[in-house]
Protein backbone atom coordinates (compact mmCIF):
# COMPACT_ATOMS: atom_id res chain seq x y z
CA UNK A 1 39.47 9.92 49.38
CA UNK A 2 37.39 9.77 46.24
CA UNK A 3 34.19 10.24 48.24
CA UNK A 4 35.16 13.83 49.03
CA UNK A 5 35.58 14.53 45.29
CA UNK A 6 32.19 13.13 44.28
CA UNK A 7 30.61 16.32 42.94
CA UNK A 8 27.10 14.90 42.25
CA UNK A 9 26.89 13.49 45.78
CA UNK A 10 27.96 16.75 47.42
CA UNK A 11 25.72 18.84 45.16
CA UNK A 12 22.71 16.72 46.21
CA UNK A 13 23.60 16.82 49.93
CA UNK A 14 24.21 20.57 49.89
CA UNK A 15 20.89 21.07 48.05
CA UNK A 16 19.09 19.13 50.81
CA UNK A 17 20.77 21.24 53.48
CA UNK A 18 20.05 24.56 51.79
CA UNK A 19 16.42 23.65 51.02
CA UNK A 20 15.79 22.53 54.61
CA UNK A 21 17.41 25.69 55.99
CA UNK A 22 15.45 27.97 53.65
CA UNK A 23 12.18 26.52 55.00
CA UNK A 24 12.73 28.23 58.37
CA UNK A 25 12.81 31.88 57.19
CA UNK A 26 10.11 31.22 54.57
CA UNK A 27 7.80 29.84 57.27
CA UNK A 28 8.72 32.75 59.56
CA UNK A 29 7.47 35.40 57.11
CA UNK A 30 3.70 34.78 57.38
CA UNK A 31 3.56 33.83 61.08
CA UNK A 32 6.49 35.80 62.54
CA UNK A 33 7.35 32.62 64.43
CA UNK A 34 10.61 30.69 64.13
CA UNK A 35 10.05 26.96 63.74
CA UNK A 36 13.41 25.20 63.87
CA UNK A 37 11.75 21.79 63.60
CA UNK A 38 11.45 22.51 59.87
CA UNK A 39 15.18 21.79 59.56
CA UNK A 40 14.43 18.08 59.88
CA UNK A 41 10.81 17.83 58.76
CA UNK A 42 9.23 16.66 55.53
CA UNK A 43 7.03 18.82 53.33
CA UNK A 44 7.05 22.59 53.02
CA UNK A 45 8.61 25.14 50.70
CA UNK A 46 10.94 24.38 48.96
CA UNK A 47 10.99 20.63 48.50
CA UNK A 48 14.36 19.30 49.63
CA UNK A 49 13.61 16.03 47.84
CA UNK A 50 13.23 17.90 44.55
CA UNK A 51 16.29 20.01 45.25
CA UNK A 52 18.36 16.89 45.91
CA UNK A 53 17.33 14.89 42.85
CA UNK A 54 17.62 17.83 40.46
CA UNK A 55 21.00 18.84 41.88
CA UNK A 56 22.12 15.22 41.47
CA UNK A 57 20.89 14.99 37.87
CA UNK A 58 22.30 18.42 36.98
CA UNK A 59 25.70 17.61 38.49
CA UNK A 60 25.83 14.31 36.60
CA UNK A 61 24.87 16.12 33.38
CA UNK A 62 27.64 18.68 33.95
CA UNK A 63 30.25 15.99 34.61
CA UNK A 64 29.21 13.20 32.24
CA UNK A 65 26.94 14.89 29.70
CA UNK A 66 23.28 14.63 28.86
CA UNK A 67 23.88 11.44 26.85
CA UNK A 68 25.28 9.60 29.86
CA UNK A 69 23.44 6.54 31.19
CA UNK A 70 24.03 7.93 34.69
CA UNK A 71 22.18 11.09 33.75
CA UNK A 72 19.29 9.01 32.37
CA UNK A 73 19.08 7.05 35.62
CA UNK A 74 19.22 10.16 37.80
CA UNK A 75 16.67 12.02 35.65
CA UNK A 76 14.14 9.16 35.79
CA UNK A 77 14.81 8.75 39.52
CA UNK A 78 14.19 12.48 39.97
CA UNK A 79 10.93 12.39 38.04
CA UNK A 80 9.68 9.50 40.18
CA UNK A 81 10.65 11.25 43.43
CA UNK A 82 8.98 14.53 42.43
CA UNK A 83 5.85 12.74 41.18
CA UNK A 84 5.64 10.86 44.47
CA UNK A 85 6.13 14.07 46.49
CA UNK A 86 3.18 15.77 44.76
CA UNK A 87 1.01 12.67 44.57
CA UNK A 88 1.08 9.86 47.07
CA UNK A 89 2.87 11.69 49.90
CA UNK A 90 0.72 14.82 49.59
CA UNK A 91 -2.48 12.80 49.69
CA UNK A 92 -1.21 10.79 52.65
CA UNK A 93 -0.82 14.16 54.39
CA UNK A 94 -4.43 15.04 53.57
CA UNK A 95 -5.54 11.69 55.00
CA UNK A 96 -3.52 12.35 58.16
CA UNK A 97 -5.31 15.69 58.57
CA UNK A 98 -8.73 14.05 58.34
CA UNK A 99 -7.73 11.22 60.69
CA UNK A 100 -6.35 13.68 63.24
CA UNK A 101 -9.64 15.61 63.11
CA UNK A 102 -11.65 12.40 63.54
CA UNK A 103 -9.53 11.31 66.51
CA UNK A 104 -9.88 14.77 68.05
CA UNK A 105 -13.63 14.78 67.54
CA UNK A 106 -13.94 11.28 68.99
CA UNK A 107 -11.87 12.22 72.05
CA UNK A 108 -13.96 15.33 72.58
CA UNK A 109 -17.16 13.28 72.34
CA UNK A 110 -15.88 10.72 74.83
CA UNK A 111 -14.80 13.41 77.30
CA UNK A 112 -18.14 15.19 77.00
CA UNK A 113 -20.21 11.99 77.38
CA UNK A 114 -18.26 10.75 80.35
CA UNK A 115 -16.94 12.88 83.13
CA UNK A 116 -13.87 10.94 84.18
CA UNK A 117 -10.49 12.72 84.05
CA UNK A 118 -8.27 12.13 81.08
CA UNK A 119 -5.54 9.59 81.51
CA UNK A 120 -1.89 10.42 80.82
CA UNK A 121 -1.92 8.09 77.81
CA UNK A 122 -4.44 10.33 76.10
CA UNK A 123 -2.34 13.42 76.77
CA UNK A 124 0.74 11.75 75.33
CA UNK A 125 -1.09 10.70 72.16
CA UNK A 126 0.93 11.65 69.12
CA UNK A 127 -0.86 12.96 66.08
CA UNK A 128 -0.11 11.64 62.62
CA UNK A 129 2.31 13.72 60.57
CA UNK A 130 0.21 15.86 58.23
CA UNK A 131 2.91 17.70 56.32
CA UNK A 132 4.21 14.73 54.31
CA UNK A 133 4.11 15.75 50.69
CA UNK A 134 4.42 18.87 48.60
CA UNK A 135 2.25 21.16 46.56
CA UNK A 136 3.40 21.27 42.91
CA UNK A 137 4.81 24.79 43.42
CA UNK A 138 6.98 23.54 46.31
CA UNK A 139 8.36 20.77 44.08
CA UNK A 140 8.99 23.28 41.27
CA UNK A 141 10.97 25.63 43.50
CA UNK A 142 12.84 22.73 45.09
CA UNK A 143 13.82 21.53 41.61
CA UNK A 144 14.84 25.03 40.56
CA UNK A 145 16.93 25.39 43.72
CA UNK A 146 18.68 22.08 43.05
CA UNK A 147 19.53 22.98 39.46
CA UNK A 148 20.81 26.44 40.39
CA UNK A 149 22.90 25.12 43.28
CA UNK A 150 24.48 22.44 41.11
CA UNK A 151 25.50 25.05 38.50
CA UNK A 152 26.85 27.42 41.16
CA UNK A 153 28.80 24.67 42.91
CA UNK A 154 30.16 23.40 39.58
CA UNK A 155 31.45 26.84 38.65
CA UNK A 156 32.94 27.47 42.11
CA UNK A 157 34.62 24.06 42.35
CA UNK A 158 35.96 23.82 38.82
CA UNK A 159 37.18 27.41 38.63
CA UNK A 160 39.14 26.88 41.85
CA UNK A 161 40.66 23.67 40.49
CA UNK A 162 41.63 25.27 37.17
CA UNK A 163 43.33 28.28 38.80
């Protein structure tokens, strides 16, 4: 099947996987606590979004050249994704933090003003996701990871084919 020979697709998917996996040991270092939920979460170091779009653009550049319309599309797409990760999504995470604090403060006020026991609904309340976007450094290292992985995969795949 041609799908299994689509180098840009596999470079991008592998970059996502590696970036998500790397988040676990990087988060472990400061806290000494393994958080396996990072494998499927958004935000954090490195940015898997940045790794994916830069691996995709790099793989297309390696296969079709920098003058390819496909490279132009993937490069612009990558810029938009990385801009969004450091802008809108990061600020949405800040807003979620403030809203979670407001909800917590309100719930504390209600429980202090009234002495009835908390209902199960309140205990099951889910907080808004705060780690949505990325700091610019997380996007930078995600992009660097994607570019490096695409080059490494290109060399490994094409040297095996040529042997």
